[in-house]
Structure formats: C-alpha cells, structure tokens
Amino acid sequence: NDEDEWQEVGTGGRSTEIITFEYQESLIFKIFASRMKSTLIKGSKSSVSFQPYLCLPLDISNPSTKSIESALQRNFSFESIDGFKSAQDQSIKATKRSKIDALPEILIFQIQRFCVDEEGAYKITRKVSYPQNLVIEPSWFHNAKTAPDLAHRTFRLFGVISHVGENVSRGHYTCDVFCSHINRWVKFDDNNHINTDPVAVLAREAYLLFYQRS
C-alpha cells in the first residue's frame, strides 16, 4: 500500500523518526528490489527511512567518478543538505547518507548520463567502467558487521543497455545480453543481432547495467 509506517524512538538523546515505505509484495519485487536505509541528520533530530528500489541510480556528475564502484562509494557517503531552517528561521546544518539494507537477486543500475543545469539538458559522455563481476563492499551496508558473505555480495554482469549519441535530444539504444545457453554475449541493435565478446561489452557507453547474484 501507499501508507508510511512512523515510529518515534530515542537514541543518545537524539530524537529519531523511522519511516518505512510499504509496497505490494510481488515476484518482481522479490527478484529486483533492493532495500535502502537513508539517514537524515539535522541539528539534534534525525530521521531514518527504509525504501525499496527496483533500479539504483548512479550519479556520475563528478568528473572524478570513472567507475561504478567509485559512483557507489560516493552514493554511500555523507552529503550536506541545504535549505533546512529552525523555528527561529536560522539555518541548520543537515547531512544525509544512504546505505544498503538488503540486496535482490538481480541488481539494476542506472548510470545518470542525462543531466540538467541552468543552461539546459546535456549528456555525460565520459567513459565509466564497470566490471564483469561486481563485489558489493561490506562498508556499503548500513551495518558492515552483519553484511552477507562474499558469495551473496558478488554479482555477475549479464545485460547492458547503451545510449549511442552525443546529446539528449537524439540517439540510439542497443542492448548486449549474455546468453547462458550458448555461453556467449549477443548484441541486439534494432532487428539485428550479432555475437560479441566481453571486451566490447565492457567498452560500451552504458546507460543501464544488469547484474545477477553469482
């Protein structure tokens, strides 16, 4: 359902508000939904929310972000949030951090290549690397001590959707899929499909990445 579950608790003198986003259980959610824990701290108060994601967005706007691992590391770090004010209309320092609470069988990442600024919409064409085998680090979980073992944190790439083009107003999408029954990668481009190899797949200008638990 669309209702949120609220609970007030106290931790170390700080008032914490816990928000859980409920959703209708389904096969889709069982396969694709990860669960994230987000913590927002503003002054002496904090709020914690647990929310499912079918697709995890990866911010690559920082020029130093050249791999999905560095994008994930940045996503799971504290960030400053502006705009909060006290009852006395004074600015309040606020920080937010998201961490993984639970992993799905299939992870989908959206590399955020399409951005908007004061000059309009544009595409980030910079190369962003991604591995065939992705290990989710224990430090990316909200509790590293209870993170799953290595086997349950390792995911293998099986699908890549790429956007070919220099800007957001035009372009073309292609898809690479690892076909396990023939043990090879196949590239699909409109009505055409050809065999390809991992080196070519890992060099794409990827937009969506699909990983399955190894």
N, C-alpha and C. Protein backbone atom coordinates (compact mmCIF):
# COMPACT_ATOMS: atom_id res chain seq x y z
N ASN A 1 0.84 -1.18 0.00
CA ASN A 1 0.00 0.00 0.00
C ASN A 1 0.87 1.23 0.00
N ASP A 2 0.23 2.45 -0.02
CA ASP A 2 0.98 3.70 -0.12
C ASP A 2 1.21 4.35 1.23
N GLU A 3 0.82 3.69 2.31
CA GLU A 3 0.95 4.30 3.62
C GLU A 3 2.36 4.09 4.16
N ASP A 4 2.82 5.08 4.93
CA ASP A 4 4.11 5.00 5.58
C ASP A 4 3.91 4.62 7.03
N GLU A 5 4.86 3.90 7.58
CA GLU A 5 4.80 3.49 8.97
C GLU A 5 5.77 4.36 9.76
N TRP A 6 5.25 5.08 10.79
CA TRP A 6 6.06 6.02 11.55
C TRP A 6 6.26 5.48 12.96
N GLN A 7 7.46 5.68 13.49
CA GLN A 7 7.75 5.25 14.85
C GLN A 7 8.77 6.20 15.45
N GLU A 8 8.53 6.66 16.69
CA GLU A 8 9.45 7.55 17.38
C GLU A 8 10.29 6.74 18.35
N VAL A 9 11.60 6.90 18.28
CA VAL A 9 12.49 6.24 19.23
C VAL A 9 13.50 7.26 19.69
N GLY A 10 14.24 6.94 20.75
CA GLY A 10 15.26 7.84 21.25
C GLY A 10 16.60 7.15 21.24
N THR A 11 17.64 7.82 20.70
CA THR A 11 18.97 7.23 20.67
C THR A 11 19.98 8.30 21.08
N GLY A 12 20.61 8.09 22.22
CA GLY A 12 21.65 9.01 22.67
C GLY A 12 21.19 10.43 22.82
N GLY A 13 19.95 10.63 23.25
CA GLY A 13 19.42 11.97 23.41
C GLY A 13 18.91 12.60 22.13
N ARG A 14 19.08 11.93 21.01
CA ARG A 14 18.62 12.46 19.73
C ARG A 14 17.30 11.81 19.35
N SER A 15 16.34 12.64 19.00
CA SER A 15 15.03 12.14 18.57
C SER A 15 15.14 11.62 17.15
N THR A 16 14.75 10.36 16.97
CA THR A 16 14.86 9.73 15.65
C THR A 16 13.49 9.29 15.17
N GLU A 17 13.21 9.62 13.93
CA GLU A 17 11.94 9.26 13.32
C GLU A 17 12.21 8.19 12.28
N ILE A 18 11.52 7.07 12.38
CA ILE A 18 11.73 5.96 11.46
C ILE A 18 10.54 5.88 10.50
N ILE A 19 10.84 5.85 9.20
CA ILE A 19 9.81 5.79 8.17
C ILE A 19 10.05 4.54 7.33
N THR A 20 9.05 3.70 7.22
CA THR A 20 9.14 2.51 6.39
C THR A 20 8.14 2.61 5.25
N PHE A 21 8.62 2.55 4.03
CA PHE A 21 7.75 2.61 2.86
C PHE A 21 7.27 1.21 2.53
N GLU A 22 5.97 1.01 2.62
CA GLU A 22 5.38 -0.29 2.34
C GLU A 22 5.13 -0.45 0.84
N TYR A 23 5.14 -1.68 0.37
CA TYR A 23 4.84 -1.94 -1.03
C TYR A 23 4.17 -3.30 -1.16
N GLN A 24 3.45 -3.46 -2.26
CA GLN A 24 2.74 -4.70 -2.51
C GLN A 24 3.73 -5.80 -2.88
N GLU A 25 3.75 -6.89 -2.11
CA GLU A 25 4.66 -7.99 -2.38
C GLU A 25 4.33 -8.62 -3.74
N SER A 26 5.36 -8.86 -4.54
CA SER A 26 5.15 -9.45 -5.86
C SER A 26 6.43 -10.16 -6.28
N LEU A 27 6.34 -10.95 -7.34
CA LEU A 27 7.51 -11.64 -7.87
C LEU A 27 8.56 -10.64 -8.36
N ILE A 28 8.10 -9.54 -8.96
CA ILE A 28 9.01 -8.50 -9.45
C ILE A 28 9.86 -7.95 -8.31
N PHE A 29 9.20 -7.63 -7.19
CA PHE A 29 9.93 -7.07 -6.06
C PHE A 29 10.87 -8.11 -5.45
N LYS A 30 10.46 -9.36 -5.41
CA LYS A 30 11.32 -10.40 -4.85
C LYS A 30 12.61 -10.55 -5.65
N ILE A 31 12.53 -10.36 -6.96
CA ILE A 31 13.70 -10.56 -7.82
C ILE A 31 14.56 -9.30 -7.92
N PHE A 32 13.92 -8.12 -8.05
CA PHE A 32 14.66 -6.92 -8.41
C PHE A 32 14.81 -5.88 -7.30
N ALA A 33 14.04 -5.95 -6.24
CA ALA A 33 14.01 -4.84 -5.27
C ALA A 33 15.11 -4.95 -4.23
N SER A 34 15.97 -3.94 -4.20
CA SER A 34 16.90 -3.78 -3.09
C SER A 34 16.23 -2.86 -2.06
N ARG A 35 16.75 -2.87 -0.85
CA ARG A 35 16.18 -2.04 0.21
C ARG A 35 17.29 -1.16 0.76
N MET A 36 17.01 0.14 0.79
CA MET A 36 18.00 1.11 1.23
C MET A 36 17.57 1.75 2.56
N LYS A 37 18.58 2.03 3.37
CA LYS A 37 18.36 2.77 4.61
C LYS A 37 18.99 4.15 4.46
N SER A 38 18.17 5.19 4.57
CA SER A 38 18.65 6.56 4.45
C SER A 38 18.53 7.26 5.80
N THR A 39 19.59 7.94 6.20
CA THR A 39 19.60 8.66 7.47
C THR A 39 19.80 10.14 7.20
N LEU A 40 18.88 10.95 7.68
CA LEU A 40 18.96 12.41 7.56
C LEU A 40 19.14 12.99 8.96
N ILE A 41 20.23 13.72 9.17
CA ILE A 41 20.51 14.33 10.47
C ILE A 41 20.46 15.84 10.30
N LYS A 42 19.60 16.47 11.10
CA LYS A 42 19.50 17.93 11.06
C LYS A 42 19.41 18.43 12.50
N GLY A 43 20.46 19.11 12.94
CA GLY A 43 20.52 19.59 14.31
C GLY A 43 20.52 18.43 15.29
N SER A 44 19.60 18.48 16.24
CA SER A 44 19.50 17.44 17.26
C SER A 44 18.50 16.35 16.88
N LYS A 45 17.96 16.43 15.68
CA LYS A 45 16.96 15.46 15.26
C LYS A 45 17.48 14.67 14.06
N SER A 46 16.98 13.46 13.93
CA SER A 46 17.33 12.64 12.77
C SER A 46 16.13 11.82 12.35
N SER A 47 16.12 11.45 11.09
CA SER A 47 15.06 10.58 10.57
C SER A 47 15.71 9.47 9.76
N VAL A 48 15.16 8.28 9.88
CA VAL A 48 15.66 7.11 9.18
C VAL A 48 14.53 6.55 8.33
N SER A 49 14.79 6.32 7.05
CA SER A 49 13.76 5.76 6.17
C SER A 49 14.29 4.49 5.50
N PHE A 50 13.42 3.51 5.36
CA PHE A 50 13.72 2.27 4.65
C PHE A 50 12.85 2.24 3.40
N GLN A 51 13.49 2.15 2.25
CA GLN A 51 12.75 2.27 1.00
C GLN A 51 13.26 1.28 -0.04
N PRO A 52 12.36 0.61 -0.77
CA PRO A 52 12.79 -0.32 -1.83
C PRO A 52 13.13 0.43 -3.11
N TYR A 53 14.08 -0.12 -3.87
CA TYR A 53 14.45 0.43 -5.17
C TYR A 53 14.53 -0.71 -6.17
N LEU A 54 13.85 -0.55 -7.30
CA LEU A 54 13.95 -1.54 -8.37
C LEU A 54 15.16 -1.25 -9.26
N CYS A 55 15.62 0.00 -9.25
CA CYS A 55 16.75 0.42 -10.06
C CYS A 55 17.53 1.46 -9.27
N LEU A 56 18.82 1.21 -9.06
CA LEU A 56 19.65 2.11 -8.26
C LEU A 56 20.31 3.15 -9.18
N PRO A 57 20.04 4.44 -8.98
CA PRO A 57 20.67 5.47 -9.80
C PRO A 57 22.10 5.72 -9.35
N LEU A 58 22.99 5.93 -10.31
CA LEU A 58 24.40 6.20 -10.02
C LEU A 58 24.76 7.58 -10.56
N ASP A 59 25.05 8.50 -9.66
CA ASP A 59 25.42 9.87 -10.03
C ASP A 59 26.88 9.88 -10.50
N ILE A 60 27.10 10.31 -11.75
CA ILE A 60 28.46 10.38 -12.29
C ILE A 60 28.82 11.82 -12.65
N SER A 61 28.12 12.80 -12.08
CA SER A 61 28.34 14.20 -12.45
C SER A 61 29.72 14.70 -12.03
N ASN A 62 30.28 14.11 -10.97
CA ASN A 62 31.63 14.49 -10.56
C ASN A 62 32.65 13.92 -11.55
N PRO A 63 33.52 14.75 -12.13
CA PRO A 63 34.48 14.26 -13.14
C PRO A 63 35.41 13.16 -12.63
N SER A 64 35.59 13.07 -11.31
CA SER A 64 36.48 12.04 -10.76
C SER A 64 35.81 10.67 -10.70
N THR A 65 34.51 10.62 -10.96
CA THR A 65 33.79 9.35 -10.95
C THR A 65 33.97 8.66 -12.30
N LYS A 66 34.84 7.65 -12.32
CA LYS A 66 35.17 6.99 -13.58
C LYS A 66 34.83 5.51 -13.59
N SER A 67 34.17 5.03 -12.53
CA SER A 67 33.76 3.63 -12.46
C SER A 67 32.48 3.54 -11.64
N ILE A 68 31.73 2.45 -11.78
CA ILE A 68 30.52 2.33 -10.99
C ILE A 68 30.86 2.08 -9.52
N GLU A 69 32.05 1.51 -9.26
CA GLU A 69 32.46 1.32 -7.87
C GLU A 69 32.68 2.67 -7.18
N SER A 70 33.33 3.62 -7.89
CA SER A 70 33.52 4.94 -7.28
C SER A 70 32.20 5.69 -7.16
N ALA A 71 31.27 5.46 -8.10
CA ALA A 71 29.94 6.07 -8.00
C ALA A 71 29.19 5.52 -6.79
N LEU A 72 29.28 4.22 -6.56
CA LEU A 72 28.64 3.61 -5.40
C LEU A 72 29.25 4.14 -4.11
N GLN A 73 30.57 4.24 -4.07
CA GLN A 73 31.25 4.76 -2.89
C GLN A 73 30.78 6.17 -2.58
N ARG A 74 30.64 6.99 -3.61
CA ARG A 74 30.17 8.35 -3.43
C ARG A 74 28.70 8.37 -2.99
N ASN A 75 27.89 7.49 -3.57
CA ASN A 75 26.47 7.43 -3.20
C ASN A 75 26.27 7.09 -1.74
N PHE A 76 27.17 6.27 -1.19
CA PHE A 76 27.01 5.79 0.18
C PHE A 76 27.79 6.63 1.20
N SER A 77 28.26 7.81 0.77
CA SER A 77 28.97 8.72 1.67
C SER A 77 28.00 9.81 2.14
N PHE A 78 28.37 10.48 3.24
CA PHE A 78 27.56 11.58 3.74
C PHE A 78 27.58 12.74 2.74
N GLU A 79 26.45 13.38 2.57
CA GLU A 79 26.37 14.58 1.75
C GLU A 79 25.66 15.67 2.53
N SER A 80 26.08 16.91 2.32
CA SER A 80 25.46 18.05 3.00
C SER A 80 24.18 18.44 2.28
N ILE A 81 23.15 18.76 3.05
CA ILE A 81 21.86 19.16 2.51
C ILE A 81 21.56 20.59 2.95
N ASP A 82 21.30 21.45 1.99
CA ASP A 82 20.99 22.86 2.29
C ASP A 82 19.48 23.08 2.36
N GLY A 83 19.10 24.20 2.96
CA GLY A 83 17.71 24.62 2.94
C GLY A 83 16.91 24.39 4.20
N PHE A 84 17.51 23.74 5.21
CA PHE A 84 16.78 23.50 6.46
C PHE A 84 16.94 24.69 7.40
N LYS A 85 15.84 25.09 8.04
CA LYS A 85 15.87 26.21 8.99
C LYS A 85 15.15 25.82 10.27
N SER A 86 15.57 26.44 11.38
CA SER A 86 14.95 26.19 12.67
C SER A 86 13.68 27.00 12.80
N ALA A 87 12.99 26.83 13.93
CA ALA A 87 11.76 27.61 14.19
C ALA A 87 12.08 29.09 14.29
N GLN A 88 13.34 29.40 14.60
CA GLN A 88 13.78 30.80 14.69
C GLN A 88 14.31 31.31 13.36
N ASP A 89 14.08 30.55 12.29
CA ASP A 89 14.48 30.91 10.94
C ASP A 89 16.00 30.98 10.78
N GLN A 90 16.72 30.16 11.55
CA GLN A 90 18.16 30.07 11.42
C GLN A 90 18.52 28.82 10.62
N SER A 91 19.56 28.92 9.83
CA SER A 91 19.99 27.78 9.02
C SER A 91 20.48 26.65 9.92
N ILE A 92 20.12 25.43 9.55
CA ILE A 92 20.53 24.24 10.31
C ILE A 92 21.41 23.38 9.43
N LYS A 93 22.53 22.92 9.99
CA LYS A 93 23.40 22.00 9.27
C LYS A 93 22.72 20.65 9.16
N ALA A 94 22.65 20.12 7.96
CA ALA A 94 22.00 18.83 7.75
C ALA A 94 22.87 17.95 6.85
N THR A 95 22.90 16.66 7.16
CA THR A 95 23.63 15.70 6.35
C THR A 95 22.75 14.49 6.10
N LYS A 96 23.03 13.80 5.00
CA LYS A 96 22.24 12.63 4.63
C LYS A 96 23.18 11.55 4.10
N ARG A 97 22.86 10.30 4.44
CA ARG A 97 23.62 9.18 3.89
C ARG A 97 22.69 8.00 3.67
N SER A 98 22.87 7.32 2.54
CA SER A 98 22.11 6.11 2.24
C SER A 98 23.04 4.91 2.26
N LYS A 99 22.52 3.80 2.77
CA LYS A 99 23.28 2.56 2.81
C LYS A 99 22.36 1.40 2.41
N ILE A 100 22.95 0.27 2.07
CA ILE A 100 22.18 -0.90 1.67
C ILE A 100 21.67 -1.62 2.91
N ASP A 101 20.40 -1.99 2.88
CA ASP A 101 19.82 -2.80 3.95
C ASP A 101 19.63 -4.24 3.49
N ALA A 102 19.26 -4.44 2.23
CA ALA A 102 19.08 -5.80 1.68
C ALA A 102 19.31 -5.77 0.18
N LEU A 103 19.86 -6.87 -0.34
CA LEU A 103 20.16 -6.98 -1.77
C LEU A 103 19.18 -7.93 -2.46
N PRO A 104 18.87 -7.67 -3.74
CA PRO A 104 18.00 -8.57 -4.50
C PRO A 104 18.82 -9.63 -5.22
N GLU A 105 18.14 -10.49 -5.96
CA GLU A 105 18.83 -11.47 -6.79
C GLU A 105 19.43 -10.80 -8.03
N ILE A 106 18.74 -9.79 -8.54
CA ILE A 106 19.21 -9.07 -9.72
C ILE A 106 19.29 -7.58 -9.40
N LEU A 107 20.48 -7.02 -9.60
CA LEU A 107 20.73 -5.60 -9.38
C LEU A 107 20.68 -4.86 -10.71
N ILE A 108 19.93 -3.76 -10.75
CA ILE A 108 19.88 -2.92 -11.93
C ILE A 108 20.41 -1.54 -11.54
N PHE A 109 21.40 -1.06 -12.30
CA PHE A 109 21.95 0.27 -12.08
C PHE A 109 21.63 1.17 -13.26
N GLN A 110 21.24 2.39 -12.95
CA GLN A 110 21.05 3.41 -13.99
C GLN A 110 22.18 4.42 -13.87
N ILE A 111 23.05 4.46 -14.88
CA ILE A 111 24.13 5.46 -14.90
C ILE A 111 23.51 6.77 -15.38
N GLN A 112 23.52 7.77 -14.53
CA GLN A 112 22.80 9.01 -14.81
C GLN A 112 23.61 9.90 -15.77
N ARG A 113 23.51 9.56 -17.04
CA ARG A 113 24.23 10.32 -18.07
C ARG A 113 23.49 11.58 -18.49
N PHE A 114 22.18 11.63 -18.27
CA PHE A 114 21.39 12.76 -18.72
C PHE A 114 21.15 13.71 -17.55
N CYS A 115 21.61 14.95 -17.69
CA CYS A 115 21.57 15.93 -16.60
C CYS A 115 20.95 17.24 -17.09
N VAL A 116 20.58 18.06 -16.13
CA VAL A 116 20.02 19.38 -16.42
C VAL A 116 20.69 20.41 -15.53
N ASP A 117 21.14 21.53 -16.12
CA ASP A 117 21.66 22.65 -15.34
C ASP A 117 21.02 23.93 -15.85
N GLU A 118 21.59 25.08 -15.44
CA GLU A 118 20.97 26.36 -15.83
C GLU A 118 21.03 26.60 -17.33
N GLU A 119 21.88 25.88 -18.04
CA GLU A 119 21.98 26.05 -19.48
C GLU A 119 21.13 25.06 -20.26
N GLY A 120 20.51 24.12 -19.56
CA GLY A 120 19.64 23.15 -20.23
C GLY A 120 20.08 21.72 -20.00
N ALA A 121 19.54 20.82 -20.81
CA ALA A 121 19.83 19.39 -20.68
C ALA A 121 21.09 19.03 -21.47
N TYR A 122 21.85 18.08 -20.93
CA TYR A 122 23.05 17.63 -21.60
C TYR A 122 23.34 16.19 -21.21
N LYS A 123 24.23 15.55 -21.97
CA LYS A 123 24.61 14.17 -21.71
C LYS A 123 26.07 14.09 -21.29
N ILE A 124 26.34 13.28 -20.27
CA ILE A 124 27.71 13.00 -19.87
C ILE A 124 28.21 11.82 -20.71
N THR A 125 29.16 12.07 -21.56
CA THR A 125 29.66 11.03 -22.47
C THR A 125 30.94 10.37 -21.95
N ARG A 126 31.40 10.79 -20.79
CA ARG A 126 32.66 10.25 -20.24
C ARG A 126 32.57 8.75 -20.03
N LYS A 127 33.68 8.07 -20.28
CA LYS A 127 33.76 6.63 -20.05
C LYS A 127 33.62 6.33 -18.56
N VAL A 128 32.72 5.44 -18.23
CA VAL A 128 32.54 4.97 -16.86
C VAL A 128 32.67 3.45 -16.89
N SER A 129 33.71 2.93 -16.26
CA SER A 129 33.96 1.50 -16.32
C SER A 129 33.04 0.72 -15.39
N TYR A 130 32.83 -0.55 -15.74
CA TYR A 130 32.01 -1.44 -14.93
C TYR A 130 32.57 -2.85 -15.11
N PRO A 131 32.61 -3.64 -14.03
CA PRO A 131 33.26 -4.95 -14.10
C PRO A 131 32.29 -6.06 -14.52
N GLN A 132 32.85 -7.16 -14.97
CA GLN A 132 32.02 -8.34 -15.21
C GLN A 132 31.52 -8.93 -13.91
N ASN A 133 32.38 -8.91 -12.90
CA ASN A 133 32.00 -9.40 -11.58
C ASN A 133 32.09 -8.26 -10.57
N LEU A 134 30.96 -7.92 -10.00
CA LEU A 134 30.87 -6.80 -9.07
C LEU A 134 30.72 -7.32 -7.64
N VAL A 135 31.61 -6.86 -6.76
CA VAL A 135 31.52 -7.22 -5.35
C VAL A 135 30.98 -6.02 -4.57
N ILE A 136 29.89 -6.20 -3.88
CA ILE A 136 29.31 -5.16 -3.03
C ILE A 136 30.08 -5.15 -1.71
N GLU A 137 30.76 -4.06 -1.42
CA GLU A 137 31.62 -3.98 -0.24
C GLU A 137 30.81 -3.96 1.06
N PRO A 138 31.31 -4.59 2.12
CA PRO A 138 30.60 -4.57 3.42
C PRO A 138 30.34 -3.15 3.92
N SER A 139 31.26 -2.21 3.63
CA SER A 139 31.09 -0.84 4.11
C SER A 139 29.93 -0.12 3.45
N TRP A 140 29.37 -0.69 2.37
CA TRP A 140 28.23 -0.07 1.70
C TRP A 140 26.91 -0.47 2.36
N PHE A 141 26.95 -1.40 3.30
CA PHE A 141 25.76 -1.79 4.05
C PHE A 141 25.63 -0.91 5.29
N HIS A 142 24.40 -0.74 5.75
CA HIS A 142 24.20 0.12 6.92
C HIS A 142 24.82 -0.49 8.17
N ASN A 143 25.01 -1.81 8.17
CA ASN A 143 25.72 -2.48 9.25
C ASN A 143 26.74 -3.44 8.64
N ALA A 144 27.99 -2.98 8.55
CA ALA A 144 29.02 -3.78 7.88
C ALA A 144 29.26 -5.11 8.56
N LYS A 145 29.04 -5.15 9.89
CA LYS A 145 29.31 -6.38 10.64
C LYS A 145 28.33 -7.50 10.30
N THR A 146 27.14 -7.13 9.86
CA THR A 146 26.13 -8.13 9.52
C THR A 146 25.92 -8.25 8.01
N ALA A 147 26.86 -7.71 7.22
CA ALA A 147 26.76 -7.82 5.76
C ALA A 147 26.83 -9.28 5.33
N PRO A 148 26.17 -9.66 4.25
CA PRO A 148 26.22 -11.05 3.77
C PRO A 148 27.64 -11.48 3.45
N ASP A 149 27.84 -12.79 3.33
CA ASP A 149 29.17 -13.29 2.99
C ASP A 149 29.49 -12.95 1.53
N LEU A 150 30.74 -13.20 1.14
CA LEU A 150 31.22 -12.80 -0.18
C LEU A 150 30.37 -13.36 -1.30
N ALA A 151 29.96 -14.63 -1.19
CA ALA A 151 29.17 -15.26 -2.25
C ALA A 151 27.85 -14.53 -2.49
N HIS A 152 27.25 -14.00 -1.42
CA HIS A 152 25.97 -13.31 -1.54
C HIS A 152 26.13 -11.82 -1.84
N ARG A 153 27.41 -11.37 -1.94
CA ARG A 153 27.68 -9.97 -2.30
C ARG A 153 28.33 -9.86 -3.67
N THR A 154 28.45 -10.98 -4.37
CA THR A 154 29.10 -10.99 -5.68
C THR A 154 28.06 -11.15 -6.78
N PHE A 155 28.11 -10.26 -7.76
CA PHE A 155 27.13 -10.24 -8.85
C PHE A 155 27.85 -10.27 -10.19
N ARG A 156 27.26 -10.98 -11.15
CA ARG A 156 27.86 -11.11 -12.49
C ARG A 156 27.02 -10.36 -13.52
N LEU A 157 27.70 -9.58 -14.35
CA LEU A 157 27.04 -8.81 -15.39
C LEU A 157 26.41 -9.73 -16.43
N PHE A 158 25.15 -9.46 -16.80
CA PHE A 158 24.51 -10.25 -17.86
C PHE A 158 23.75 -9.40 -18.86
N GLY A 159 23.68 -8.09 -18.64
CA GLY A 159 22.97 -7.25 -19.59
C GLY A 159 23.45 -5.80 -19.54
N VAL A 160 23.56 -5.17 -20.71
CA VAL A 160 23.99 -3.77 -20.81
C VAL A 160 23.12 -3.07 -21.85
N ILE A 161 22.46 -1.99 -21.46
CA ILE A 161 21.76 -1.14 -22.42
C ILE A 161 22.57 0.13 -22.58
N SER A 162 22.90 0.46 -23.81
CA SER A 162 23.77 1.61 -24.09
C SER A 162 23.03 2.66 -24.90
N HIS A 163 23.40 3.92 -24.67
CA HIS A 163 22.87 5.02 -25.47
C HIS A 163 23.99 5.53 -26.37
N VAL A 164 23.76 5.48 -27.67
CA VAL A 164 24.74 5.94 -28.64
C VAL A 164 24.29 7.31 -29.14
N GLY A 165 25.10 8.32 -28.93
CA GLY A 165 24.75 9.68 -29.34
C GLY A 165 25.41 10.68 -28.42
N GLU A 166 25.52 11.92 -28.89
CA GLU A 166 26.24 12.95 -28.14
C GLU A 166 25.34 13.81 -27.26
N ASN A 167 24.03 13.79 -27.47
CA ASN A 167 23.18 14.67 -26.67
C ASN A 167 21.88 13.96 -26.30
N VAL A 168 21.04 14.66 -25.54
CA VAL A 168 19.82 14.04 -25.00
C VAL A 168 18.66 14.05 -25.99
N SER A 169 18.73 14.88 -27.02
CA SER A 169 17.60 15.03 -27.93
C SER A 169 17.57 13.99 -29.03
N ARG A 170 18.67 13.27 -29.21
CA ARG A 170 18.71 12.25 -30.24
C ARG A 170 19.69 11.17 -29.83
N GLY A 171 19.60 10.05 -30.48
CA GLY A 171 20.49 8.95 -30.14
C GLY A 171 19.84 7.61 -30.46
N HIS A 172 20.52 6.57 -30.07
CA HIS A 172 20.08 5.22 -30.41
C HIS A 172 20.46 4.28 -29.28
N TYR A 173 19.57 3.35 -28.96
CA TYR A 173 19.83 2.39 -27.89
C TYR A 173 20.16 1.02 -28.46
N THR A 174 21.16 0.38 -27.86
CA THR A 174 21.48 -1.00 -28.19
C THR A 174 21.52 -1.81 -26.90
N CYS A 175 21.49 -3.13 -27.03
CA CYS A 175 21.46 -3.99 -25.85
C CYS A 175 22.39 -5.19 -26.05
N ASP A 176 23.23 -5.44 -25.04
CA ASP A 176 24.07 -6.64 -25.02
C ASP A 176 23.55 -7.58 -23.95
N VAL A 177 23.40 -8.84 -24.28
CA VAL A 177 22.88 -9.83 -23.33
C VAL A 177 23.79 -11.05 -23.34
N PHE A 178 24.12 -11.54 -22.13
CA PHE A 178 24.87 -12.80 -22.06
C PHE A 178 23.87 -13.95 -22.11
N CYS A 179 23.94 -14.74 -23.16
CA CYS A 179 23.02 -15.86 -23.36
C CYS A 179 23.67 -17.13 -22.79
N SER A 180 23.21 -17.57 -21.65
CA SER A 180 23.87 -18.68 -20.95
C SER A 180 23.75 -20.00 -21.72
N HIS A 181 22.68 -20.15 -22.51
CA HIS A 181 22.51 -21.43 -23.22
C HIS A 181 23.52 -21.62 -24.34
N ILE A 182 24.13 -20.52 -24.82
CA ILE A 182 25.19 -20.64 -25.82
C ILE A 182 26.52 -20.13 -25.27
N ASN A 183 26.49 -19.67 -24.02
CA ASN A 183 27.70 -19.23 -23.31
C ASN A 183 28.45 -18.13 -24.06
N ARG A 184 27.70 -17.14 -24.53
CA ARG A 184 28.35 -16.01 -25.22
C ARG A 184 27.47 -14.77 -25.15
N TRP A 185 28.13 -13.63 -25.41
CA TRP A 185 27.41 -12.35 -25.46
C TRP A 185 26.83 -12.14 -26.85
N VAL A 186 25.61 -11.56 -26.89
CA VAL A 186 24.96 -11.22 -28.15
C VAL A 186 24.54 -9.76 -28.08
N LYS A 187 24.85 -9.02 -29.15
CA LYS A 187 24.45 -7.61 -29.23
C LYS A 187 23.19 -7.50 -30.09
N PHE A 188 22.18 -6.81 -29.54
CA PHE A 188 20.92 -6.58 -30.26
C PHE A 188 20.84 -5.10 -30.64
N ASP A 189 20.63 -4.85 -31.92
CA ASP A 189 20.56 -3.49 -32.46
C ASP A 189 19.40 -3.45 -33.44
N ASP A 190 18.26 -2.93 -32.96
CA ASP A 190 17.01 -2.98 -33.74
C ASP A 190 16.71 -4.44 -34.12
N ASN A 191 16.59 -4.73 -35.42
CA ASN A 191 16.26 -6.10 -35.84
C ASN A 191 17.49 -6.98 -36.01
N ASN A 192 18.66 -6.42 -35.77
CA ASN A 192 19.89 -7.17 -35.99
C ASN A 192 20.46 -7.69 -34.67
N HIS A 193 21.10 -8.85 -34.75
CA HIS A 193 21.82 -9.36 -33.58
C HIS A 193 23.07 -10.07 -34.07
N ILE A 194 24.16 -9.82 -33.34
CA ILE A 194 25.45 -10.42 -33.69
C ILE A 194 26.14 -10.88 -32.42
N ASN A 195 26.98 -11.90 -32.55
CA ASN A 195 27.79 -12.33 -31.43
C ASN A 195 28.85 -11.27 -31.14
N THR A 196 29.14 -11.08 -29.87
CA THR A 196 30.17 -10.13 -29.49
C THR A 196 30.99 -10.73 -28.35
N ASP A 197 31.92 -9.96 -27.82
CA ASP A 197 32.81 -10.50 -26.79
C ASP A 197 32.81 -9.59 -25.58
N PRO A 198 33.27 -10.08 -24.42
CA PRO A 198 33.24 -9.28 -23.18
C PRO A 198 34.02 -7.98 -23.27
N VAL A 199 35.13 -7.97 -24.02
CA VAL A 199 35.92 -6.75 -24.14
C VAL A 199 35.09 -5.63 -24.77
N ALA A 200 34.35 -5.96 -25.81
CA ALA A 200 33.49 -4.97 -26.47
C ALA A 200 32.35 -4.54 -25.57
N VAL A 201 31.77 -5.49 -24.85
CA VAL A 201 30.64 -5.18 -23.95
C VAL A 201 31.07 -4.22 -22.85
N LEU A 202 32.26 -4.44 -22.30
CA LEU A 202 32.75 -3.60 -21.19
C LEU A 202 33.21 -2.23 -21.67
N ALA A 203 33.25 -2.01 -22.97
CA ALA A 203 33.67 -0.71 -23.52
C ALA A 203 32.49 0.15 -23.96
N ARG A 204 31.26 -0.33 -23.73
CA ARG A 204 30.09 0.42 -24.17
C ARG A 204 29.90 1.71 -23.37
N GLU A 205 29.11 2.63 -23.96
CA GLU A 205 28.69 3.83 -23.24
C GLU A 205 27.39 3.47 -22.51
N ALA A 206 27.55 2.72 -21.43
CA ALA A 206 26.41 2.09 -20.77
C ALA A 206 25.48 3.10 -20.11
N TYR A 207 24.19 2.78 -20.17
CA TYR A 207 23.16 3.56 -19.50
C TYR A 207 22.48 2.74 -18.41
N LEU A 208 22.18 1.47 -18.70
CA LEU A 208 21.62 0.55 -17.71
C LEU A 208 22.49 -0.70 -17.64
N LEU A 209 22.74 -1.15 -16.40
CA LEU A 209 23.54 -2.36 -16.18
C LEU A 209 22.72 -3.36 -15.39
N PHE A 210 22.78 -4.63 -15.79
CA PHE A 210 22.03 -5.69 -15.14
C PHE A 210 23.01 -6.73 -14.58
N TYR A 211 22.95 -6.95 -13.27
CA TYR A 211 23.82 -7.91 -12.60
C TYR A 211 22.99 -8.96 -11.87
N GLN A 212 23.42 -10.21 -11.94
CA GLN A 212 22.75 -11.29 -11.23
C GLN A 212 23.68 -11.86 -10.18
N ARG A 213 23.11 -12.22 -9.03
CA ARG A 213 23.93 -12.79 -7.98
C ARG A 213 24.62 -14.05 -8.49
N SER A 214 25.92 -14.14 -8.28
CA SER A 214 26.70 -15.26 -8.81
C SER A 214 26.31 -16.57 -8.14
